[in-house]
């Protein structure tokens, strides 16, 4: 009999983690190239945001992995009264080990504890590690009714992100978090 799976530990990013955040996001480019083909010159292949910039925004940055050597992160921003999952990235070598799911679950719990009743994100509807992944974690497609979400989608369209397939707004309704 196999022992039960251990949920990866998630914590707030520390200063020692910030230098690794961009590299974690950038490591995902080959996954998108497998889906969409060569991304040379595409915004999806441009360098990710620096961890120091991310922690300067209202919200929080969660990581999984040893201090100074995180293997994944979730960046949630607070904007216009929303908790918005701006970025989730996990090193491809750590994929399918529960790191991304643990990060999202903790991000949802953190938003609930901060007083939010929902979390939003924008993603590709049909990319397996995007829309279907978030749907398994309780996110549902929603409209762009909030001013921030309309601005976000307009910005994504201006960057040409829609050329790779349908992008959608998803929302998760928050309730008392369930802890294992």
Protein backbone atom coordinates (compact mmCIF):
# COMPACT_ATOMS: atom_id res chain seq x y z
CA UNK A 1 0.00 0.00 0.00
CA UNK A 2 1.36 3.41 -1.00
CA UNK A 3 1.52 6.13 1.64
CA UNK A 4 -0.88 9.04 1.12
CA UNK A 5 0.42 11.81 -1.10
CA UNK A 6 1.98 14.70 0.79
CA UNK A 7 0.67 18.12 -0.14
CA UNK A 8 3.56 20.39 -1.14
CA UNK A 9 4.26 23.12 1.42
CA UNK A 10 3.27 26.65 0.40
CA UNK A 11 4.43 29.83 2.09
CA UNK A 12 4.81 33.55 1.48
CA UNK A 13 7.85 34.42 -0.60
CA UNK A 14 10.91 35.64 1.25
CA UNK A 15 13.59 37.99 -0.06
CA UNK A 16 15.85 35.01 -0.83
CA UNK A 17 13.17 33.59 -3.17
CA UNK A 18 12.63 36.66 -5.33
CA UNK A 19 15.60 36.22 -7.66
CA UNK A 20 14.23 32.82 -8.80
CA UNK A 21 10.66 33.91 -9.64
CA UNK A 22 11.35 35.10 -13.19
CA UNK A 23 13.30 31.92 -14.06
CA UNK A 24 10.40 29.76 -12.87
CA UNK A 25 7.99 31.60 -15.16
CA UNK A 26 10.43 31.58 -18.08
CA UNK A 27 10.93 27.82 -17.73
CA UNK A 28 7.32 27.34 -18.88
CA UNK A 29 7.90 28.75 -22.38
CA UNK A 30 8.70 25.30 -23.87
CA UNK A 31 5.31 24.02 -22.62
CA UNK A 32 3.56 26.78 -24.55
CA UNK A 33 5.73 26.07 -27.60
CA UNK A 34 4.57 22.44 -27.47
CA UNK A 35 0.99 23.76 -27.65
CA UNK A 36 1.42 26.64 -30.09
CA UNK A 37 4.66 26.09 -32.01
CA UNK A 38 7.62 28.44 -32.26
CA UNK A 39 7.03 31.52 -30.10
CA UNK A 40 10.05 33.55 -31.21
CA UNK A 41 9.07 37.21 -30.86
CA UNK A 42 5.76 36.33 -29.19
CA UNK A 43 4.73 37.95 -25.92
CA UNK A 44 4.35 34.46 -24.40
CA UNK A 45 8.10 33.98 -24.83
CA UNK A 46 9.10 37.34 -23.39
CA UNK A 47 10.81 37.30 -19.99
CA UNK A 48 8.55 37.01 -16.96
CA UNK A 49 8.28 39.65 -14.28
CA UNK A 50 10.97 39.96 -11.65
CA UNK A 51 10.03 38.71 -8.18
CA UNK A 52 10.98 42.05 -6.61
CA UNK A 53 8.47 43.81 -8.86
CA UNK A 54 5.77 41.28 -8.03
CA UNK A 55 6.05 41.76 -4.25
CA UNK A 56 5.77 45.52 -4.76
CA UNK A 57 2.18 45.17 -5.97
CA UNK A 58 -0.83 45.03 -3.64
CA UNK A 59 -1.56 41.35 -2.98
CA UNK A 60 0.79 38.48 -2.23
CA UNK A 61 3.34 36.12 -3.68
CA UNK A 62 3.24 32.50 -2.54
CA UNK A 63 5.96 29.95 -3.26
CA UNK A 64 6.57 26.25 -2.85
CA UNK A 65 10.04 24.86 -2.26
CA UNK A 66 13.06 25.52 -0.05
CA UNK A 67 13.91 29.12 0.88
CA UNK A 68 16.01 30.54 -1.93
CA UNK A 69 15.09 27.64 -4.23
CA UNK A 70 11.35 27.80 -4.90
CA UNK A 71 9.97 25.45 -7.56
CA UNK A 72 6.69 27.27 -8.14
CA UNK A 73 4.81 30.44 -7.32
CA UNK A 74 1.36 32.01 -7.33
CA UNK A 75 1.08 35.79 -7.62
CA UNK A 76 -2.24 37.32 -6.56
CA UNK A 77 -2.89 41.02 -7.04
CA UNK A 78 -5.58 43.11 -5.40
CA UNK A 79 -7.12 45.47 -7.91
CA UNK A 80 -10.49 47.22 -8.04
CA UNK A 81 -11.81 45.15 -5.12
CA UNK A 82 -10.81 41.84 -6.71
CA UNK A 83 -8.29 39.17 -5.81
CA UNK A 84 -6.84 38.24 -9.22
CA UNK A 85 -4.47 35.34 -9.82
CA UNK A 86 -2.02 37.18 -12.06
CA UNK A 87 0.41 34.29 -12.54
CA UNK A 88 0.88 30.67 -11.57
CA UNK A 89 4.13 29.02 -12.61
CA UNK A 90 5.78 25.74 -11.69
CA UNK A 91 9.08 24.42 -12.98
CA UNK A 92 8.37 21.76 -15.61
CA UNK A 93 10.56 19.32 -13.64
CA UNK A 94 8.07 19.62 -10.76
CA UNK A 95 4.91 19.37 -12.87
CA UNK A 96 2.20 16.84 -12.00
CA UNK A 97 3.35 16.60 -8.38
CA UNK A 98 0.62 18.76 -6.87
CA UNK A 99 2.68 21.93 -6.59
CA UNK A 100 0.41 24.05 -8.81
CA UNK A 101 -2.75 22.74 -7.14
CA UNK A 102 -1.32 23.42 -3.68
CA UNK A 103 -0.35 26.95 -4.70
CA UNK A 104 -3.82 27.70 -6.10
CA UNK A 105 -5.59 26.25 -3.05
CA UNK A 106 -3.45 28.31 -0.69
CA UNK A 107 -3.97 31.41 -2.86
CA UNK A 108 -7.74 30.89 -2.61
CA UNK A 109 -7.55 30.44 1.17
CA UNK A 110 -5.38 33.54 1.56
CA UNK A 111 -7.84 35.62 -0.48
CA UNK A 112 -10.74 34.35 1.63
CA UNK A 113 -8.89 35.23 4.84
CA UNK A 114 -8.23 38.70 3.40
CA UNK A 115 -11.99 39.21 3.02
CA UNK A 116 -12.55 38.48 -0.66
CA UNK A 117 -15.51 36.39 -1.80
CA UNK A 118 -14.02 35.33 -5.14
CA UNK A 119 -10.81 35.10 -7.13
CA UNK A 120 -10.49 35.79 -10.84
CA UNK A 121 -7.95 34.90 -13.51
CA UNK A 122 -7.57 34.96 -17.27
CA UNK A 123 -6.30 31.92 -19.12
CA UNK A 124 -6.48 29.81 -22.26
CA UNK A 125 -9.73 27.86 -22.29
CA UNK A 126 -8.46 24.76 -24.09
CA UNK A 127 -4.83 24.39 -22.99
CA UNK A 128 -4.80 21.41 -20.57
CA UNK A 129 -2.52 23.10 -18.02
CA UNK A 130 -4.66 26.26 -18.17
CA UNK A 131 -8.48 26.30 -18.37
CA UNK A 132 -9.14 22.61 -17.59
CA UNK A 133 -6.62 22.71 -14.71
CA UNK A 134 -8.33 25.69 -13.09
CA UNK A 135 -11.78 24.17 -13.65
CA UNK A 136 -10.71 21.13 -11.61
CA UNK A 137 -9.87 23.53 -8.78
CA UNK A 138 -13.31 25.17 -8.77
CA UNK A 139 -12.94 28.00 -11.28
CA UNK A 140 -15.74 28.61 -13.79
CA UNK A 141 -15.87 30.73 -16.90
CA UNK A 142 -17.31 34.17 -16.26
CA UNK A 143 -17.96 37.34 -18.17
CA UNK A 144 -15.80 40.41 -18.20
CA UNK A 145 -18.24 42.40 -16.08
CA UNK A 146 -15.71 44.08 -13.79
CA UNK A 147 -13.88 47.14 -15.16
CA UNK A 148 -10.49 45.60 -14.28
CA UNK A 149 -11.34 42.36 -16.13
CA UNK A 150 -12.39 44.30 -19.22
CA UNK A 151 -9.12 46.27 -19.10
CA UNK A 152 -7.19 43.04 -18.58
CA UNK A 153 -8.80 41.34 -21.58
CA UNK A 154 -8.34 44.46 -23.75
CA UNK A 155 -4.66 44.48 -22.80
CA UNK A 156 -4.31 40.75 -23.60
CA UNK A 157 -5.97 41.28 -26.98
CA UNK A 158 -3.62 44.18 -27.74
CA UNK A 159 -0.68 41.86 -26.99
CA UNK A 160 -2.07 39.29 -29.43
CA UNK A 161 -2.62 36.54 -26.86
CA UNK A 162 -5.94 35.55 -28.50
CA UNK A 163 -4.17 34.37 -31.65
CA UNK A 164 -3.24 31.15 -29.80
CA UNK A 165 -6.83 30.24 -28.98
CA UNK A 166 -9.71 31.41 -26.84
CA UNK A 167 -8.80 33.22 -23.63
CA UNK A 168 -11.38 33.38 -20.90
CA UNK A 169 -12.03 34.98 -17.56
CA UNK A 170 -12.55 32.43 -14.81
CA UNK A 171 -13.79 32.97 -11.28
CA UNK A 172 -13.79 30.85 -8.13
CA UNK A 173 -16.28 31.64 -5.39
CA UNK A 174 -14.57 31.56 -2.04
CA UNK A 175 -15.84 29.99 1.14
CA UNK A 176 -14.26 28.73 4.30
CA UNK A 177 -11.09 26.99 3.14
CA UNK A 178 -10.81 23.26 3.66
CA UNK A 179 -7.47 22.22 5.07
CA UNK A 180 -6.21 18.64 4.85
